[in-house]
PDB file of N, CA and C in Angstrom:
ATOM      1  N   UNK A   1      -8.179  24.758 -95.175  1.00  0.00           N
ATOM      2  CA  UNK A   1      -7.990  24.476 -96.754  1.00  0.00           C
ATOM      3  C   UNK A   1      -9.015  25.544 -97.504  1.00  0.00           C
ATOM      4  N   UNK A   2     -10.377  25.431 -97.005  1.00  0.00           N
ATOM      5  CA  UNK A   2     -11.309  26.319 -97.624  1.00  0.00           C
ATOM      6  C   UNK A   2     -10.899  27.801 -97.823  1.00  0.00           C
ATOM      7  N   UNK A   3     -10.077  28.228 -96.844  1.00  0.00           N
ATOM      8  CA  UNK A   3      -9.593  29.524 -96.604  1.00  0.00           C
ATOM      9  C   UNK A   3      -8.557  29.781 -97.861  1.00  0.00           C
ATOM     10  N   UNK A   4      -7.789  28.870 -97.887  1.00  0.00           N
ATOM     11  CA  UNK A   4      -6.717  28.857 -99.205  1.00  0.00           C
ATOM     12  C   UNK A   4      -7.167  28.889-100.516  1.00  0.00           C
ATOM     13  N   UNK A   5      -8.342  28.317-100.665  1.00  0.00           N
ATOM     14  CA  UNK A   5      -9.102  28.241-101.894  1.00  0.00           C
ATOM     15  C   UNK A   5      -9.828  29.763-102.148  1.00  0.00           C
ATOM     16  N   UNK A   6     -10.312  30.195-101.220  1.00  0.00           N
ATOM     17  CA  UNK A   6     -10.932  31.400-101.430  1.00  0.00           C
ATOM     18  C   UNK A   6      -9.804  32.599-101.789  1.00  0.00           C
ATOM     19  N   UNK A   7      -8.763  32.440-101.083  1.00  0.00           N
ATOM     20  CA  UNK A   7      -7.369  33.376-101.291  1.00  0.00           C
ATOM     21  C   UNK A   7      -7.087  33.116-102.754  1.00  0.00           C
ATOM     22  N   UNK A   8      -6.882  31.951-103.111  1.00  0.00           N
ATOM     23  CA  UNK A   8      -6.589  31.668-104.591  1.00  0.00           C
ATOM     24  C   UNK A   8      -7.364  32.169-105.542  1.00  0.00           C
ATOM     25  N   UNK A   9      -8.590  31.985-105.436  1.00  0.00           N
ATOM     26  CA  UNK A   9      -9.708  32.767-106.008  1.00  0.00           C
ATOM     27  C   UNK A   9      -9.715  34.245-106.082  1.00  0.00           C
ATOM     28  N   UNK A  10      -9.479  34.837-105.047  1.00  0.00           N
ATOM     29  CA  UNK A  10      -9.148  36.234-104.953  1.00  0.00           C
ATOM     30  C   UNK A  10      -8.076  36.681-105.731  1.00  0.00           C
ATOM     31  N   UNK A  11      -6.792  35.934-105.646  1.00  0.00           N
ATOM     32  CA  UNK A  11      -5.727  36.262-106.448  1.00  0.00           C
ATOM     33  C   UNK A  11      -5.896  36.289-107.910  1.00  0.00           C
ATOM     34  N   UNK A  12      -6.590  35.174-108.150  1.00  0.00           N
ATOM     35  CA  UNK A  12      -6.563  34.899-109.566  1.00  0.00           C
ATOM     36  C   UNK A  12      -7.537  36.038-110.234  1.00  0.00           C
ATOM     37  N   UNK A  13      -8.617  36.527-109.696  1.00  0.00           N
ATOM     38  CA  UNK A  13      -9.508  37.435-110.160  1.00  0.00           C
ATOM     39  C   UNK A  13      -8.752  38.804-110.206  1.00  0.00           C
ATOM     40  N   UNK A  14      -7.900  39.031-109.238  1.00  0.00           N
ATOM     41  CA  UNK A  14      -7.011  40.295-109.211  1.00  0.00           C
ATOM     42  C   UNK A  14      -6.126  40.227-110.297  1.00  0.00           C
ATOM     43  N   UNK A  15      -5.452  39.197-110.634  1.00  0.00           N
ATOM     44  CA  UNK A  15      -4.507  39.160-111.917  1.00  0.00           C
ATOM     45  C   UNK A  15      -5.183  39.395-113.069  1.00  0.00           C
ATOM     46  N   UNK A  16      -6.450  38.774-113.273  1.00  0.00           N
ATOM     47  CA  UNK A  16      -7.212  38.861-114.435  1.00  0.00           C
ATOM     48  C   UNK A  16      -7.605  40.062-114.821  1.00  0.00           C
ATOM     49  N   UNK A  17      -8.217  40.787-113.554  1.00  0.00           N
ATOM     50  CA  UNK A  17      -8.633  42.145-113.624  1.00  0.00           C
ATOM     51  C   UNK A  17      -7.417  43.038-114.151  1.00  0.00           C
ATOM     52  N   UNK A  18      -6.277  42.860-113.314  1.00  0.00           N
ATOM     53  CA  UNK A  18      -5.205  43.673-113.888  1.00  0.00           C
ATOM     54  C   UNK A  18      -4.701  43.439-115.268  1.00  0.00           C
ATOM     55  N   UNK A  19      -4.656  42.289-115.675  1.00  0.00           N
ATOM     56  CA  UNK A  19      -4.377  41.898-116.995  1.00  0.00           C
ATOM     57  C   UNK A  19      -5.312  42.748-118.038  1.00  0.00           C
ATOM     58  N   UNK A  20      -6.583  42.695-117.836  1.00  0.00           N
ATOM     59  CA  UNK A  20      -7.451  43.264-118.548  1.00  0.00           C
ATOM     60  C   UNK A  20      -7.249  45.029-118.488  1.00  0.00           C
ATOM     61  N   UNK A  21      -7.252  45.256-117.348  1.00  0.00           N
ATOM     62  CA  UNK A  21      -6.804  46.846-117.043  1.00  0.00           C
ATOM     63  C   UNK A  21      -5.625  47.245-118.005  1.00  0.00           C
ATOM     64  N   UNK A  22      -4.363  46.452-117.797  1.00  0.00           N
ATOM     65  CA  UNK A  22      -3.290  46.812-118.468  1.00  0.00           C
ATOM     66  C   UNK A  22      -3.530  46.889-120.019  1.00  0.00           C
ATOM     67  N   UNK A  23      -4.176  45.731-120.714  1.00  0.00           N
ATOM     68  CA  UNK A  23      -4.427  45.821-122.083  1.00  0.00           C
ATOM     69  C   UNK A  23      -5.227  46.949-122.389  1.00  0.00           C
ATOM     70  N   UNK A  24      -6.183  47.480-121.640  1.00  0.00           N
ATOM     71  CA  UNK A  24      -7.086  48.537-122.149  1.00  0.00           C
ATOM     72  C   UNK A  24      -6.176  49.877-121.924  1.00  0.00           C
ATOM     73  N   UNK A  25      -5.483  49.982-120.976  1.00  0.00           N
ATOM     74  CA  UNK A  25      -4.377  51.072-121.023  1.00  0.00           C
ATOM     75  C   UNK A  25      -3.613  51.105-122.536  1.00  0.00           C
ATOM     76  N   UNK A  26      -2.952  49.882-122.592  1.00  0.00           N
ATOM     77  CA  UNK A  26      -2.275  49.928-123.837  1.00  0.00           C
ATOM     78  C   UNK A  26      -2.902  50.201-125.072  1.00  0.00           C
ATOM     79  N   UNK A  27      -4.133  49.623-125.202  1.00  0.00           N
ATOM     80  CA  UNK A  27      -5.062  50.146-126.349  1.00  0.00           C
ATOM     81  C   UNK A  27      -5.326  51.497-126.538  1.00  0.00           C
ATOM     82  N   UNK A  28      -5.304  52.335-125.021  1.00  0.00           N
ATOM     83  CA  UNK A  28      -5.762  53.488-125.314  1.00  0.00           C
ATOM     84  C   UNK A  28      -4.439  54.309-125.957  1.00  0.00           C
ATOM     85  N   UNK A  29      -3.279  53.892-125.197  1.00  0.00           N
ATOM     86  CA  UNK A  29      -2.081  54.699-125.665  1.00  0.00           C
ATOM     87  C   UNK A  29      -1.855  54.326-127.297  1.00  0.00           C
ATOM     88  N   UNK A  30      -2.040  53.193-127.574  1.00  0.00           N
ATOM     89  CA  UNK A  30      -1.831  52.657-129.138  1.00  0.00           C
ATOM     90  C   UNK A  30      -2.769  53.619-130.030  1.00  0.00           C
ATOM     91  N   UNK A  31      -3.830  53.861-129.621  1.00  0.00           N
ATOM     92  CA  UNK A  31      -4.799  54.866-130.349  1.00  0.00           C
ATOM     93  C   UNK A  31      -4.298  56.228-130.486  1.00  0.00           C
ATOM     94  N   UNK A  32      -3.481  56.566-129.262  1.00  0.00           N
ATOM     95  CA  UNK A  32      -3.126  57.987-129.208  1.00  0.00           C
ATOM     96  C   UNK A  32      -1.417  57.954-129.620  1.00  0.00           C
ATOM     97  N   UNK A  33      -1.125  56.916-130.661  1.00  0.00           N
ATOM     98  CA  UNK A  33      -0.014  56.753-131.357  1.00  0.00           C
ATOM     99  C   UNK A  33       1.067  56.984-130.337  1.00  0.00           C
ATOM    100  N   UNK A  34       1.195  56.333-129.157  1.00  0.00           N
ATOM    101  CA  UNK A  34       2.130  56.576-128.000  1.00  0.00           C
ATOM    102  C   UNK A  34       2.772  55.091-127.600  1.00  0.00           C
ATOM    103  N   UNK A  35       3.144  54.551-128.776  1.00  0.00           N
ATOM    104  CA  UNK A  35       3.426  53.134-128.469  1.00  0.00           C
ATOM    105  C   UNK A  35       5.134  53.147-128.157  1.00  0.00           C
ATOM    106  N   UNK A  36       5.796  54.364-128.336  1.00  0.00           N
ATOM    107  CA  UNK A  36       7.200  54.303-128.015  1.00  0.00           C
ATOM    108  C   UNK A  36       7.212  55.010-126.973  1.00  0.00           C
ATOM    109  N   UNK A  37       6.287  55.255-125.868  1.00  0.00           N
ATOM    110  CA  UNK A  37       6.484  56.087-124.702  1.00  0.00           C
ATOM    111  C   UNK A  37       7.121  55.083-123.829  1.00  0.00           C
ATOM    112  N   UNK A  38       7.534  55.414-122.751  1.00  0.00           N
ATOM    113  CA  UNK A  38       7.999  54.809-121.273  1.00  0.00           C
ATOM    114  C   UNK A  38       6.715  54.160-120.790  1.00  0.00           C
ATOM    115  N   UNK A  39       5.752  54.775-120.578  1.00  0.00           N
ATOM    116  CA  UNK A  39       4.334  53.938-120.127  1.00  0.00           C
ATOM    117  C   UNK A  39       3.947  53.026-120.817  1.00  0.00           C
ATOM    118  N   UNK A  40       3.857  53.034-122.159  1.00  0.00           N
ATOM    119  CA  UNK A  40       3.471  51.976-122.823  1.00  0.00           C
ATOM    120  C   UNK A  40       4.641  50.601-122.794  1.00  0.00           C
ATOM    121  N   UNK A  41       5.798  51.044-122.772  1.00  0.00           N
ATOM    122  CA  UNK A  41       6.850  49.967-122.594  1.00  0.00           C
ATOM    123  C   UNK A  41       6.702  49.333-121.100  1.00  0.00           C
ATOM    124  N   UNK A  42       6.643  50.123-119.982  1.00  0.00           N
ATOM    125  CA  UNK A  42       6.185  49.546-118.844  1.00  0.00           C
ATOM    126  C   UNK A  42       5.005  48.647-118.862  1.00  0.00           C
ATOM    127  N   UNK A  43       3.811  49.253-119.495  1.00  0.00           N
ATOM    128  CA  UNK A  43       2.687  48.409-119.595  1.00  0.00           C
ATOM    129  C   UNK A  43       2.910  47.073-120.261  1.00  0.00           C
ATOM    130  N   UNK A  44       3.762  47.087-121.233  1.00  0.00           N
ATOM    131  CA  UNK A  44       4.077  46.042-121.869  1.00  0.00           C
ATOM    132  C   UNK A  44       4.813  44.947-121.176  1.00  0.00           C
ATOM    133  N   UNK A  45       5.970  45.370-120.351  1.00  0.00           N
ATOM    134  CA  UNK A  45       6.358  44.499-119.320  1.00  0.00           C
ATOM    135  C   UNK A  45       5.362  43.842-118.235  1.00  0.00           C
ATOM    136  N   UNK A  46       4.439  44.669-117.707  1.00  0.00           N
ATOM    137  CA  UNK A  46       3.254  44.290-116.802  1.00  0.00           C
ATOM    138  C   UNK A  46       2.489  43.323-117.492  1.00  0.00           C
ATOM    139  N   UNK A  47       2.278  43.494-118.891  1.00  0.00           N
ATOM    140  CA  UNK A  47       1.331  42.556-119.490  1.00  0.00           C
ATOM    141  C   UNK A  47       2.120  41.214-119.603  1.00  0.00           C
ATOM    142  N   UNK A  48       3.317  41.087-119.944  1.00  0.00           N
ATOM    143  CA  UNK A  48       4.164  40.206-120.359  1.00  0.00           C
ATOM    144  C   UNK A  48       4.156  39.176-118.939  1.00  0.00           C
ATOM    145  N   UNK A  49       4.332  39.839-117.953  1.00  0.00           N
ATOM    146  CA  UNK A  49       4.491  39.194-116.550  1.00  0.00           C
ATOM    147  C   UNK A  49       3.022  38.566-116.053  1.00  0.00           C
ATOM    148  N   UNK A  50       2.155  39.062-116.364  1.00  0.00           N
ATOM    149  CA  UNK A  50       0.638  38.691-115.863  1.00  0.00           C
ATOM    150  C   UNK A  50       0.312  37.609-116.783  1.00  0.00           C
ATOM    151  N   UNK A  51       0.518  37.680-118.339  1.00  0.00           N
ATOM    152  CA  UNK A  51       0.593  36.655-119.040  1.00  0.00           C
ATOM    153  C   UNK A  51       1.176  35.208-118.634  1.00  0.00           C
ATOM    154  N   UNK A  52       2.517  35.467-118.151  1.00  0.00           N
ATOM    155  CA  UNK A  52       3.256  34.412-117.797  1.00  0.00           C
ATOM    156  C   UNK A  52       2.432  33.761-116.412  1.00  0.00           C
ATOM    157  N   UNK A  53       2.140  34.366-115.515  1.00  0.00           N
ATOM    158  CA  UNK A  53       1.247  34.038-114.162  1.00  0.00           C
ATOM    159  C   UNK A  53       0.114  33.194-114.846  1.00  0.00           C
ATOM    160  N   UNK A  54      -0.568  33.838-115.711  1.00  0.00           N
ATOM    161  CA  UNK A  54      -1.982  33.259-116.112  1.00  0.00           C
ATOM    162  C   UNK A  54      -1.629  31.673-116.992  1.00  0.00           C
ATOM    163  N   UNK A  55      -0.554  32.009-117.720  1.00  0.00           N
ATOM    164  CA  UNK A  55      -0.164  30.657-118.279  1.00  0.00           C
ATOM    165  C   UNK A  55       0.164  29.474-117.360  1.00  0.00           C
ATOM    166  N   UNK A  56       1.077  29.848-116.369  1.00  0.00           N
ATOM    167  CA  UNK A  56       1.240  28.937-115.304  1.00  0.00           C
ATOM    168  C   UNK A  56      -0.071  28.340-114.813  1.00  0.00           C
ATOM    169  N   UNK A  57      -1.038  29.279-114.474  1.00  0.00           N
ATOM    170  CA  UNK A  57      -2.654  28.639-114.173  1.00  0.00           C
ATOM    171  C   UNK A  57      -2.912  27.720-115.059  1.00  0.00           C
ATOM    172  N   UNK A  58      -2.832  27.966-116.346  1.00  0.00           N
ATOM    173  CA  UNK A  58      -3.440  26.999-117.591  1.00  0.00           C
ATOM    174  C   UNK A  58      -2.563  25.660-117.425  1.00  0.00           C
ATOM    175  N   UNK A  59      -1.339  25.775-117.386  1.00  0.00           N
ATOM    176  CA  UNK A  59      -0.376  24.514-117.407  1.00  0.00           C
ATOM    177  C   UNK A  59      -1.165  23.627-116.506  1.00  0.00           C
ATOM    178  N   UNK A  60      -1.211  24.070-115.226  1.00  0.00           N
ATOM    179  CA  UNK A  60      -1.755  23.300-114.087  1.00  0.00           C
ATOM    180  C   UNK A  60      -3.360  23.035-114.073  1.00  0.00           C
ATOM    181  N   UNK A  61      -3.892  23.293-115.338  1.00  0.00           N
ATOM    182  CA  UNK A  61      -5.414  23.127-115.355  1.00  0.00           C
ATOM    183  C   UNK A  61      -6.231  23.940-114.271  1.00  0.00           C
ATOM    184  N   UNK A  62      -5.770  25.038-113.895  1.00  0.00           N
ATOM    185  CA  UNK A  62      -6.348  25.855-112.731  1.00  0.00           C
ATOM    186  C   UNK A  62      -7.458  26.581-113.162  1.00  0.00           C
ATOM    187  N   UNK A  63      -7.293  27.108-114.499  1.00  0.00           N
ATOM    188  CA  UNK A  63      -7.982  27.852-115.221  1.00  0.00           C
ATOM    189  C   UNK A  63      -8.022  27.396-116.773  1.00  0.00           C
ATOM    190  N   UNK A  64      -9.298  27.792-117.251  1.00  0.00           N
ATOM    191  CA  UNK A  64      -9.395  27.554-118.750  1.00  0.00           C
ATOM    192  C   UNK A  64      -8.411  28.118-119.778  1.00  0.00           C
ATOM    193  N   UNK A  65      -7.705  27.642-120.732  1.00  0.00           N
ATOM    194  CA  UNK A  65      -6.884  28.590-121.504  1.00  0.00           C
ATOM    195  C   UNK A  65      -7.682  29.631-122.264  1.00  0.00           C
ATOM    196  N   UNK A  66      -7.030  30.837-122.102  1.00  0.00           N
ATOM    197  CA  UNK A  66      -7.374  31.973-122.658  1.00  0.00           C
ATOM    198  C   UNK A  66      -7.214  32.017-124.298  1.00  0.00           C
ATOM    199  N   UNK A  67      -7.991  32.790-124.849  1.00  0.00           N
ATOM    200  CA  UNK A  67      -8.138  32.910-126.199  1.00  0.00           C
ATOM    201  C   UNK A  67      -7.446  33.814-126.917  1.00  0.00           C
TER     202      UNK A  67
END
């Protein structure tokens, strides 16, 4: 059981890190006025998927709600 908890924590940290990196890339593209680019749209899709995963963790009280 301890192994599963460690793996859960690793997965959670990876998801949160990927979310932060995705948002940072989107902000950079936005600053460059490239919000209509394919890359920006792909990042938006990734961000939405990651938000969905994070929200599920929040629903089950596995992490604190994001602000």
